[in-house]
C-alpha atoms as a PDB file:
ATOM      1  CA  MET A   1     -79.549  87.871 107.606  1.00  0.00           C
ATOM      2  CA  ALA A   2     -81.739  85.552 105.464  1.00  0.00           C
ATOM      3  CA  GLY A   3     -82.001  88.165 102.703  1.00  0.00           C
ATOM      4  CA  LYS A   4     -78.262  88.561 102.624  1.00  0.00           C
ATOM      5  CA  PHE A   5     -77.738  84.745 102.255  1.00  0.00           C
ATOM      6  CA  ARG A   6     -80.303  84.576  99.369  1.00  0.00           C
ATOM      7  CA  ALA A   7     -78.496  87.312  97.446  1.00  0.00           C
ATOM      8  CA  VAL A   8     -75.205  85.456  97.747  1.00  0.00           C
ATOM      9  CA  PHE A   9     -76.843  82.167  96.521  1.00  0.00           C
ATOM     10  CA  LEU A  10     -78.377  83.818  93.389  1.00  0.00           C
ATOM     11  CA  ALA A  11     -75.087  85.456  92.561  1.00  0.00           C
ATOM     12  CA  ALA A  12     -73.384  82.061  92.688  1.00  0.00           C
ATOM     13  CA  ALA A  13     -76.113  80.359  90.607  1.00  0.00           C
ATOM     14  CA  ARG A  14     -75.889  82.756  87.674  1.00  0.00           C
ATOM     15  CA  PRO A  15     -72.434  81.561  86.456  1.00  0.00           C
ATOM     16  CA  SER A  16     -73.589  77.891  86.706  1.00  0.00           C
ATOM     17  CA  LYS A  17     -76.677  78.578  84.580  1.00  0.00           C
ATOM     18  CA  LEU A  18     -74.602  80.493  82.036  1.00  0.00           C
ATOM     19  CA  ALA A  19     -72.123  77.623  81.820  1.00  0.00           C
ATOM     20  CA  ALA A  20     -74.947  75.138  81.246  1.00  0.00           C
ATOM     21  CA  MET A  21     -76.325  77.231  78.398  1.00  0.00           C
ATOM     22  CA  ILE A  22     -72.877  77.479  76.817  1.00  0.00           C
ATOM     23  CA  ALA A  23     -72.398  73.692  77.080  1.00  0.00           C
ATOM     24  CA  ALA A  24     -75.769  73.049  75.436  1.00  0.00           C
ATOM     25  CA  GLY A  25     -74.855  75.372  72.564  1.00  0.00           C
ATOM     26  CA  VAL A  26     -71.559  73.575  71.981  1.00  0.00           C
ATOM     27  CA  ALA A  27     -73.323  70.206  71.886  1.00  0.00           C
ATOM     28  CA  LEU A  28     -75.882  71.487  69.416  1.00  0.00           C
ATOM     29  CA  ALA A  29     -73.152  72.841  67.124  1.00  0.00           C
ATOM     30  CA  THR A  30     -71.341  69.518  67.262  1.00  0.00           C
ATOM     31  CA  VAL A  31     -74.459  67.611  66.125  1.00  0.00           C
ATOM     32  CA  SER A  32     -75.052  70.088  63.272  1.00  0.00           C
ATOM     33  CA  ALA A  33     -71.494  69.725  62.024  1.00  0.00           C
ATOM     34  CA  CYS A  34     -71.882  65.931  61.708  1.00  0.00           C
ATOM     35  CA  ASN A  35     -75.194  65.901  59.842  1.00  0.00           C
ATOM     36  CA  THR A  36     -76.371  67.678  56.661  1.00  0.00           C
ATOM     37  CA  GLY A  37     -80.012  66.761  57.401  1.00  0.00           C
ATOM     38  CA  SER A  38     -82.486  68.256  59.807  1.00  0.00           C
ATOM     39  CA  VAL A  39     -80.965  68.824  63.245  1.00  0.00           C
ATOM     40  CA  LEU A  40     -84.260  68.536  65.100  1.00  0.00           C
ATOM     41  CA  SER A  41     -85.444  65.342  63.373  1.00  0.00           C
ATOM     42  CA  LEU A  42     -81.942  63.798  63.093  1.00  0.00           C
ATOM     43  CA  GLU A  43     -82.557  62.684  59.465  1.00  0.00           C
ATOM     44  CA  PRO A  44     -79.514  60.959  57.872  1.00  0.00           C
ATOM     45  CA  ALA A  45     -77.596  62.795  55.098  1.00  0.00           C
ATOM     46  CA  VAL A  46     -77.232  59.595  53.036  1.00  0.00           C
ATOM     47  CA  ASP A  47     -80.123  57.300  52.072  1.00  0.00           C
ATOM     48  CA  VAL A  48     -80.024  53.831  53.528  1.00  0.00           C
ATOM     49  CA  GLY A  49     -82.370  52.365  50.960  1.00  0.00           C
ATOM     50  CA  SER A  50     -81.504  50.367  47.802  1.00  0.00           C
ATOM     51  CA  GLN A  51     -79.550  53.203  46.214  1.00  0.00           C
ATOM     52  CA  THR A  52     -77.029  55.752  47.444  1.00  0.00           C
ATOM     53  CA  ALA A  53     -78.318  59.312  47.478  1.00  0.00           C
ATOM     54  CA  ALA A  54     -74.877  60.597  46.454  1.00  0.00           C
ATOM     55  CA  VAL A  55     -75.254  58.782  43.108  1.00  0.00           C
ATOM     56  CA  PRO A  56     -77.095  61.001  40.542  1.00  0.00           C
ATOM     57  CA  GLN A  57     -80.517  59.610  39.653  1.00  0.00           C
ATOM     58  CA  TYR A  58     -79.842  59.001  35.945  1.00  0.00           C
ATOM     59  CA  THR A  59     -82.469  57.304  33.831  1.00  0.00           C
ATOM     60  CA  GLY A  60     -81.850  53.588  33.646  1.00  0.00           C
ATOM     61  CA  MET A  61     -79.717  53.395  36.787  1.00  0.00           C
ATOM     62  CA  GLN A  62     -80.006  49.891  38.166  1.00  0.00           C
ATOM     63  CA  LYS A  63     -81.024  49.135  41.719  1.00  0.00           C
ATOM     64  CA  LEU A  64     -78.521  47.442  43.951  1.00  0.00           C
ATOM     65  CA  VAL A  65     -79.410  43.756  43.817  1.00  0.00           C
ATOM     66  CA  PRO A  66     -76.967  41.258  45.372  1.00  0.00           C
ATOM     67  CA  SER A  67     -77.428  38.782  42.510  1.00  0.00           C
ATOM     68  CA  ASN A  68     -76.720  41.370  39.800  1.00  0.00           C
ATOM     69  CA  PRO A  69     -73.083  40.937  38.642  1.00  0.00           C
ATOM     70  CA  TYR A  70     -73.113  44.289  36.856  1.00  0.00           C
ATOM     71  CA  MET A  71     -73.379  46.324  40.079  1.00  0.00           C
ATOM     72  CA  THR A  72     -70.627  47.251  42.523  1.00  0.00           C
ATOM     73  CA  GLN A  73     -71.093  47.613  46.269  1.00  0.00           C
ATOM     74  CA  ALA A  74     -71.396  51.394  45.871  1.00  0.00           C
ATOM     75  CA  ALA A  75     -74.368  50.941  43.492  1.00  0.00           C
ATOM     76  CA  TYR A  76     -72.501  52.145  40.376  1.00  0.00           C
ATOM     77  CA  PRO A  77     -73.324  50.121  37.210  1.00  0.00           C
ATOM     78  CA  ARG A  78     -70.400  48.083  35.823  1.00  0.00           C
ATOM     79  CA  MET A  79     -70.299  48.789  32.078  1.00  0.00           C
ATOM     80  CA  ASP A  80     -69.195  46.171  29.530  1.00  0.00           C
ATOM     81  CA  GLU A  81     -66.039  46.892  27.577  1.00  0.00           C
ATOM     82  CA  PRO A  82     -66.785  48.079  23.999  1.00  0.00           C
ATOM     83  CA  MET A  83     -66.041  45.691  21.151  1.00  0.00           C
ATOM     84  CA  SER A  84     -62.655  46.144  19.538  1.00  0.00           C
ATOM     85  CA  PRO A  85     -62.578  47.522  15.963  1.00  0.00           C
ATOM     86  CA  VAL A  86     -61.601  44.053  14.684  1.00  0.00           C
ATOM     87  CA  GLU A  87     -64.771  42.543  16.130  1.00  0.00           C
ATOM     88  CA  GLN A  88     -67.052  45.280  14.775  1.00  0.00           C
ATOM     89  CA  MET A  89     -67.945  43.904  11.345  1.00  0.00           C
ATOM     90  CA  PRO A  90     -68.963  46.502   8.718  1.00  0.00           C
ATOM     91  CA  ALA A  91     -72.585  46.567   7.608  1.00  0.00           C
ATOM     92  CA  SER A  92     -71.623  45.349   4.123  1.00  0.00           C
ATOM     93  CA  GLU A  93     -70.029  42.219   5.599  1.00  0.00           C
ATOM     94  CA  THR A  94     -73.027  41.610   7.849  1.00  0.00           C
ATOM     95  CA  ASP A  95     -75.400  41.938   4.879  1.00  0.00           C
ATOM     96  CA  CYS A  96     -73.245  39.563   2.839  1.00  0.00           C
ATOM     97  CA  ARG A  97     -73.459  36.915   5.542  1.00  0.00           C
ATOM     98  CA  GLN A  98     -77.215  37.233   5.537  1.00  0.00           C
ATOM     99  CA  GLN A  99     -77.063  36.489   1.816  1.00  0.00           C
ATOM    100  CA  LEU A 100     -74.939  33.401   2.506  1.00  0.00           C
ATOM    101  CA  LYS A 101     -77.613  32.168   4.891  1.00  0.00           C
ATOM    102  CA  ARG A 102     -80.333  32.739   2.287  1.00  0.00           C
ATOM    103  CA  LEU A 103     -78.264  30.699  -0.182  1.00  0.00           C
ATOM    104  CA  ASP A 104     -77.938  27.939   2.440  1.00  0.00           C
ATOM    105  CA  VAL A 105     -74.137  28.196   2.561  1.00  0.00           C
ATOM    106  CA  ALA A 106     -72.358  26.346   5.364  1.00  0.00           C
ATOM    107  CA  TYR A 107     -69.468  28.582   6.394  1.00  0.00           C
ATOM    108  CA  THR A 108     -67.271  29.595   9.306  1.00  0.00           C
ATOM    109  CA  ASP A 109     -65.952  33.087  10.028  1.00  0.00           C
ATOM    110  CA  LEU A 110     -62.162  33.143  10.264  1.00  0.00           C
ATOM    111  CA  ALA A 111     -59.742  35.572  11.877  1.00  0.00           C
ATOM    112  CA  PRO A 112     -58.380  38.297   9.556  1.00  0.00           C
ATOM    113  CA  ILE A 113     -55.591  37.165   7.241  1.00  0.00           C
ATOM    114  CA  HIS A 114     -52.696  39.566   6.596  1.00  0.00           C
ATOM    115  CA  GLU A 115     -49.611  38.343   4.742  1.00  0.00           C
ATOM    116  CA  GLY A 116     -47.689  41.238   3.223  1.00  0.00           C
ATOM    117  CA  GLN A 117     -49.653  42.458   0.205  1.00  0.00           C
ATOM    118  CA  CYS A 118     -52.022  39.492   0.496  1.00  0.00           C
ATOM    119  CA  GLY A 119     -54.921  38.984   2.877  1.00  0.00           C
ATOM    120  CA  ILE A 120     -58.634  39.064   3.660  1.00  0.00           C
ATOM    121  CA  ASP A 121     -60.075  41.372   6.317  1.00  0.00           C
ATOM    122  CA  TYR A 122     -63.175  39.256   6.999  1.00  0.00           C
ATOM    123  CA  PRO A 123     -62.632  35.764   5.531  1.00  0.00           C
ATOM    124  CA  VAL A 124     -65.131  32.927   5.491  1.00  0.00           C
ATOM    125  CA  LYS A 125     -64.447  29.216   5.093  1.00  0.00           C
ATOM    126  CA  VAL A 126     -67.088  27.551   2.921  1.00  0.00           C
ATOM    127  CA  SER A 127     -67.681  23.829   3.436  1.00  0.00           C
ATOM    128  CA  ALA A 128     -70.987  23.346   1.579  1.00  0.00           C
ATOM    129  CA  ILE A 129     -73.597  25.069  -0.576  1.00  0.00           C
ATOM    130  CA  GLY A 130     -76.890  23.454   0.279  1.00  0.00           C
ATOM    131  CA  SER A 131     -76.346  19.715  -0.238  1.00  0.00           C
ATOM    132  CA  VAL A 132     -73.269  20.296  -2.423  1.00  0.00           C
ATOM    133  CA  GLN A 133     -70.048  19.686  -0.495  1.00  0.00           C
ATOM    134  CA  MET A 134     -66.916  21.794  -1.035  1.00  0.00           C
ATOM    135  CA  LYS A 135     -63.740  19.727  -0.753  1.00  0.00           C
ATOM    136  CA  PRO A 136     -61.519  20.924   0.659  1.00  0.00           C
ATOM    137  CA  ALA A 137     -63.340  23.793   2.339  1.00  0.00           C
ATOM    138  CA  ALA A 138     -62.569  27.084   0.560  1.00  0.00           C
ATOM    139  CA  THR A 139     -61.265  30.247   2.245  1.00  0.00           C
ATOM    140  CA  LEU A 140     -62.729  33.267   0.453  1.00  0.00           C
ATOM    141  CA  THR A 141     -64.053  36.771   0.843  1.00  0.00           C
ATOM    142  CA  CYS A 142     -67.751  36.807   1.614  1.00  0.00           C
ATOM    143  CA  ASP A 143     -68.491  38.442  -1.765  1.00  0.00           C
ATOM    144  CA  MET A 144     -66.708  35.680  -3.657  1.00  0.00           C
ATOM    145  CA  ALA A 145     -68.426  33.008  -1.553  1.00  0.00           C
ATOM    146  CA  ALA A 146     -71.852  34.520  -2.262  1.00  0.00           C
ATOM    147  CA  THR A 147     -71.137  34.832  -6.001  1.00  0.00           C
ATOM    148  CA  PHE A 148     -69.933  31.243  -6.258  1.00  0.00           C
ATOM    149  CA  ALA A 149     -72.904  29.985  -4.236  1.00  0.00           C
ATOM    150  CA  GLY A 150     -75.353  31.801  -6.508  1.00  0.00           C
ATOM    151  CA  TRP A 151     -73.725  30.289  -9.609  1.00  0.00           C
ATOM    152  CA  THR A 152     -73.688  26.802  -8.067  1.00  0.00           C
ATOM    153  CA  ARG A 153     -77.355  26.839  -7.121  1.00  0.00           C
ATOM    154  CA  ASN A 154     -78.718  28.625 -10.193  1.00  0.00           C
ATOM    155  CA  GLU A 155     -76.497  27.299 -12.990  1.00  0.00           C
ATOM    156  CA  LEU A 156     -74.257  24.358 -12.089  1.00  0.00           C
ATOM    157  CA  VAL A 157     -76.825  22.159 -10.334  1.00  0.00           C
ATOM    158  CA  PRO A 158     -79.604  22.671 -12.961  1.00  0.00           C
ATOM    159  CA  SER A 159     -77.105  22.027 -15.770  1.00  0.00           C
ATOM    160  CA  ALA A 160     -76.025  18.745 -14.166  1.00  0.00           C
ATOM    161  CA  ARG A 161     -79.643  17.650 -13.804  1.00  0.00           C
ATOM    162  CA  TRP A 162     -80.367  18.505 -17.422  1.00  0.00           C
ATOM    163  CA  ARG A 163     -77.263  16.800 -18.844  1.00  0.00           C
ATOM    164  CA  TYR A 164     -76.835  13.861 -16.446  1.00  0.00           C
ATOM    165  CA  PHE A 165     -80.221  13.563 -14.699  1.00  0.00           C
ATOM    166  CA  SER A 166     -78.359  13.820 -11.409  1.00  0.00           C
ATOM    167  CA  GLY A 167     -77.641  16.348  -8.687  1.00  0.00           C
ATOM    168  CA  VAL A 168     -74.183  17.573  -7.739  1.00  0.00           C
ATOM    169  CA  LYS A 169     -72.605  15.869  -4.737  1.00  0.00           C
ATOM    170  CA  THR A 170     -69.195  17.554  -4.412  1.00  0.00           C
ATOM    171  CA  ILE A 171     -67.173  20.357  -5.949  1.00  0.00           C
ATOM    172  CA  HIS A 172     -63.465  19.516  -5.761  1.00  0.00           C
ATOM    173  CA  GLN A 173     -61.465  22.744  -5.646  1.00  0.00           C
ATOM    174  CA  GLY A 174     -57.711  23.105  -6.091  1.00  0.00           C
ATOM    175  CA  SER A 175     -57.085  26.603  -4.756  1.00  0.00           C
ATOM    176  CA  SER A 176     -59.001  29.305  -2.928  1.00  0.00           C
ATOM    177  CA  TYR A 177     -57.040  31.891  -0.897  1.00  0.00           C
ATOM    178  CA  SER A 178     -53.335  31.669  -1.719  1.00  0.00           C
ATOM    179  CA  CYS A 179     -50.735  34.437  -1.478  1.00  0.00           C
ATOM    180  CA  ARG A 180     -49.156  34.493  -4.942  1.00  0.00           C
ATOM    181  CA  ASN A 181     -48.726  36.518  -8.104  1.00  0.00           C
ATOM    182  CA  ILE A 182     -50.231  35.737 -11.492  1.00  0.00           C
ATOM    183  CA  ALA A 183     -48.005  33.191 -13.222  1.00  0.00           C
ATOM    184  CA  GLY A 184     -45.331  34.956 -15.282  1.00  0.00           C
ATOM    185  CA  GLU A 185     -46.367  38.415 -14.054  1.00  0.00           C
ATOM    186  CA  GLY A 186     -45.519  40.631 -11.120  1.00  0.00           C
ATOM    187  CA  VAL A 187     -49.208  41.313 -10.417  1.00  0.00           C
ATOM    188  CA  LEU A 188     -50.951  39.957  -7.319  1.00  0.00           C
ATOM    189  CA  SER A 189     -53.352  37.145  -8.166  1.00  0.00           C
ATOM    190  CA  GLU A 190     -56.978  37.406  -7.083  1.00  0.00           C
ATOM    191  CA  HIS A 191     -56.239  34.274  -5.057  1.00  0.00           C
ATOM    192  CA  GLY A 192     -54.086  36.500  -2.848  1.00  0.00           C
ATOM    193  CA  LYS A 193     -57.174  38.597  -2.078  1.00  0.00           C
ATOM    194  CA  GLY A 194     -59.547  35.667  -1.522  1.00  0.00           C
ATOM    195  CA  ASN A 195     -61.522  36.599  -4.641  1.00  0.00           C
ATOM    196  CA  ALA A 196     -60.751  33.487  -6.705  1.00  0.00           C
ATOM    197  CA  LEU A 197     -61.517  29.766  -6.748  1.00  0.00           C
ATOM    198  CA  ASP A 198     -60.196  26.955  -8.963  1.00  0.00           C
ATOM    199  CA  VAL A 199     -62.524  24.039  -9.722  1.00  0.00           C
ATOM    200  CA  MET A 200     -60.784  20.769 -10.609  1.00  0.00           C
ATOM    201  CA  SER A 201     -63.699  18.334 -10.907  1.00  0.00           C
ATOM    202  CA  ILE A 202     -67.423  17.986 -10.226  1.00  0.00           C
ATOM    203  CA  GLU A 203     -68.729  14.808  -8.608  1.00  0.00           C
ATOM    204  CA  LEU A 204     -72.374  13.891  -9.206  1.00  0.00           C
ATOM    205  CA  ASN A 205     -74.805  11.962  -7.025  1.00  0.00           C
ATOM    206  CA  ASN A 206     -74.931   9.159  -9.607  1.00  0.00           C
ATOM    207  CA  GLY A 207     -71.230   8.461  -9.143  1.00  0.00           C
ATOM    208  CA  ASP A 208     -69.898  10.312 -12.187  1.00  0.00           C
ATOM    209  CA  ASP A 209     -66.817  12.424 -11.498  1.00  0.00           C
ATOM    210  CA  ILE A 210     -66.484  15.007 -14.270  1.00  0.00           C
ATOM    211  CA  ASP A 211     -62.894  16.106 -14.748  1.00  0.00           C
ATOM    212  CA  VAL A 212     -62.565  19.680 -15.968  1.00  0.00           C
ATOM    213  CA  ARG A 213     -59.711  18.798 -18.326  1.00  0.00           C
ATOM    214  CA  LYS A 214     -60.591  19.042 -22.003  1.00  0.00           C
ATOM    215  CA  PRO A 215     -62.781  16.033 -22.835  1.00  0.00           C
ATOM    216  CA  GLY A 216     -62.228  13.633 -25.691  1.00  0.00           C
ATOM    217  CA  LEU A 217     -63.537  14.241 -29.187  1.00  0.00           C
ATOM    218  CA  PHE A 218     -66.620  12.051 -28.745  1.00  0.00           C
ATOM    219  CA  ALA A 219     -67.465  13.003 -25.140  1.00  0.00           C
ATOM    220  CA  PHE A 220     -70.402  15.076 -26.340  1.00  0.00           C
ATOM    221  CA  ARG A 221     -72.319  15.189 -23.078  1.00  0.00           C
ATOM    222  CA  THR A 222     -69.262  16.144 -21.019  1.00  0.00           C
ATOM    223  CA  ARG A 223     -68.235  18.743 -23.581  1.00  0.00           C
ATOM    224  CA  GLY A 224     -71.695  20.293 -23.545  1.00  0.00           C
ATOM    225  CA  PHE A 225     -71.749  20.341 -19.738  1.00  0.00           C
ATOM    226  CA  LEU A 226     -68.336  22.024 -19.465  1.00  0.00           C
ATOM    227  CA  ASN A 227     -69.299  24.556 -22.146  1.00  0.00           C
ATOM    228  CA  ASN A 228     -72.330  25.435 -20.020  1.00  0.00           C
ATOM    229  CA  VAL A 229     -70.117  25.784 -16.950  1.00  0.00           C
ATOM    230  CA  ARG A 230     -67.879  28.248 -18.770  1.00  0.00           C
ATOM    231  CA  ALA A 231     -70.646  30.263 -20.443  1.00  0.00           C
ATOM    232  CA  ASP A 232     -72.931  30.468 -17.404  1.00  0.00           C
ATOM    233  CA  GLY A 233     -69.996  31.405 -15.177  1.00  0.00           C
ATOM    234  CA  CYS A 234     -69.379  34.526 -17.257  1.00  0.00           C
ATOM    235  CA  GLN A 235     -72.728  35.886 -16.087  1.00  0.00           C
ATOM    236  CA  TYR A 236     -71.570  35.792 -12.439  1.00  0.00           C
ATOM    237  CA  PHE A 237     -67.783  36.202 -12.423  1.00  0.00           C
ATOM    238  CA  THR A 238     -65.584  38.815 -14.065  1.00  0.00           C
ATOM    239  CA  THR A 239     -62.989  36.166 -14.955  1.00  0.00           C
ATOM    240  CA  VAL A 240     -63.524  32.601 -16.176  1.00  0.00           C
ATOM    241  CA  LEU A 241     -60.440  30.808 -17.491  1.00  0.00           C
ATOM    242  CA  GLY A 242     -60.258  27.103 -18.311  1.00  0.00           C
ATOM    243  CA  PRO A 243     -58.786  24.403 -20.512  1.00  0.00           C
ATOM    244  CA  GLY A 244     -57.903  25.781 -23.928  1.00  0.00           C
ATOM    245  CA  TYR A 245     -56.928  29.215 -22.593  1.00  0.00           C
ATOM    246  CA  ASN A 246     -53.325  28.335 -21.740  1.00  0.00           C
ATOM    247  CA  TYR A 247     -51.232  25.540 -20.289  1.00  0.00           C
ATOM    248  CA  ASP A 248     -51.581  26.766 -16.687  1.00  0.00           C
ATOM    249  CA  HIS A 249     -55.371  26.329 -16.875  1.00  0.00           C
ATOM    250  CA  ARG A 250     -55.348  22.967 -18.665  1.00  0.00           C
ATOM    251  CA  ASN A 251     -56.837  21.065 -15.713  1.00  0.00           C
ATOM    252  CA  HIS A 252     -59.203  23.497 -13.954  1.00  0.00           C
ATOM    253  CA  PHE A 253     -61.633  26.373 -14.238  1.00  0.00           C
ATOM    254  CA  HIS A 254     -60.482  29.591 -12.622  1.00  0.00           C
ATOM    255  CA  PHE A 255     -63.290  31.872 -11.363  1.00  0.00           C
ATOM    256  CA  ASP A 256     -62.757  35.309  -9.825  1.00  0.00           C
ATOM    257  CA  ILE A 257     -64.504  38.632  -9.241  1.00  0.00           C
ATOM    258  CA  LYS A 258     -61.688  41.024 -10.113  1.00  0.00           C
ATOM    259  CA  ASN A 259     -62.925  44.609 -10.401  1.00  0.00           C
ATOM    260  CA  ARG A 260     -61.962  45.995 -13.807  1.00  0.00           C
ATOM    261  CA  LYS A 261     -62.561  49.314 -15.510  1.00  0.00           C
ATOM    262  CA  ASN A 262     -65.701  49.685 -17.617  1.00  0.00           C
ATOM    263  CA  GLY A 263     -67.050  46.358 -16.328  1.00  0.00           C
ATOM    264  CA  TYR A 264     -64.756  44.321 -18.571  1.00  0.00           C
ATOM    265  CA  ARG A 265     -65.004  40.531 -18.210  1.00  0.00           C
ATOM    266  CA  ALA A 266     -62.456  37.920 -19.263  1.00  0.00           C
ATOM    267  CA  CYS A 267     -64.172  34.673 -20.319  1.00  0.00           C
ATOM    268  CA  ARG A 268     -61.808  32.328 -22.158  1.00  0.00           C
END
């Protein structure tokens, strides 16, 4: 009787044991499906350190630091927007501005000027050349500003010291950038390109204000000074026009750096 009861008990226990094994297998499969790491050690699939494991480990990748404004919460670096083409100054313009600094030119960069056929891509506004003031401040191309500054420092100032025993205080200019044609012609003036400057008078430190208009017959010192201005200018500019050339230039010197064929210069 006892043996018969034991056989019945074992037969009933087998299905329970089989069910337990099946349940354990299902649980194990469930854990594996939720984790790409080791099932036995229960390692996480995503790092919980300073950087997300899903982010490729590129060289230079920043660590996630709360105070770093260039990082997002997902640890991706926030890249700055590239400069627009207008803001990216060509190397030639950058080099020219270095030259302005060497010549001790006080200038301000202006926004591009575009007025029909006239304009300057990278204009500068010159207010002084060393201790020599420019009144009013002149809007020019950088090349014209550098050329005029070189002439002022190397020729105009030494000539004033030699003739008048005085330095130059102020250059009074009548026109720098101006959108217009050459008088009486349908050709764009160099003023319309920012490559020209008109000098009306030169004020010295001793109080003398030298008007560019043709001096009187016996104004020998002034005549000699203005002749130097004209002659020395022809070594720097491609065009120098002044009193005696025509009526339009009776009261000023016109300087420009117009590019002509065969290096021709107009000095009159």
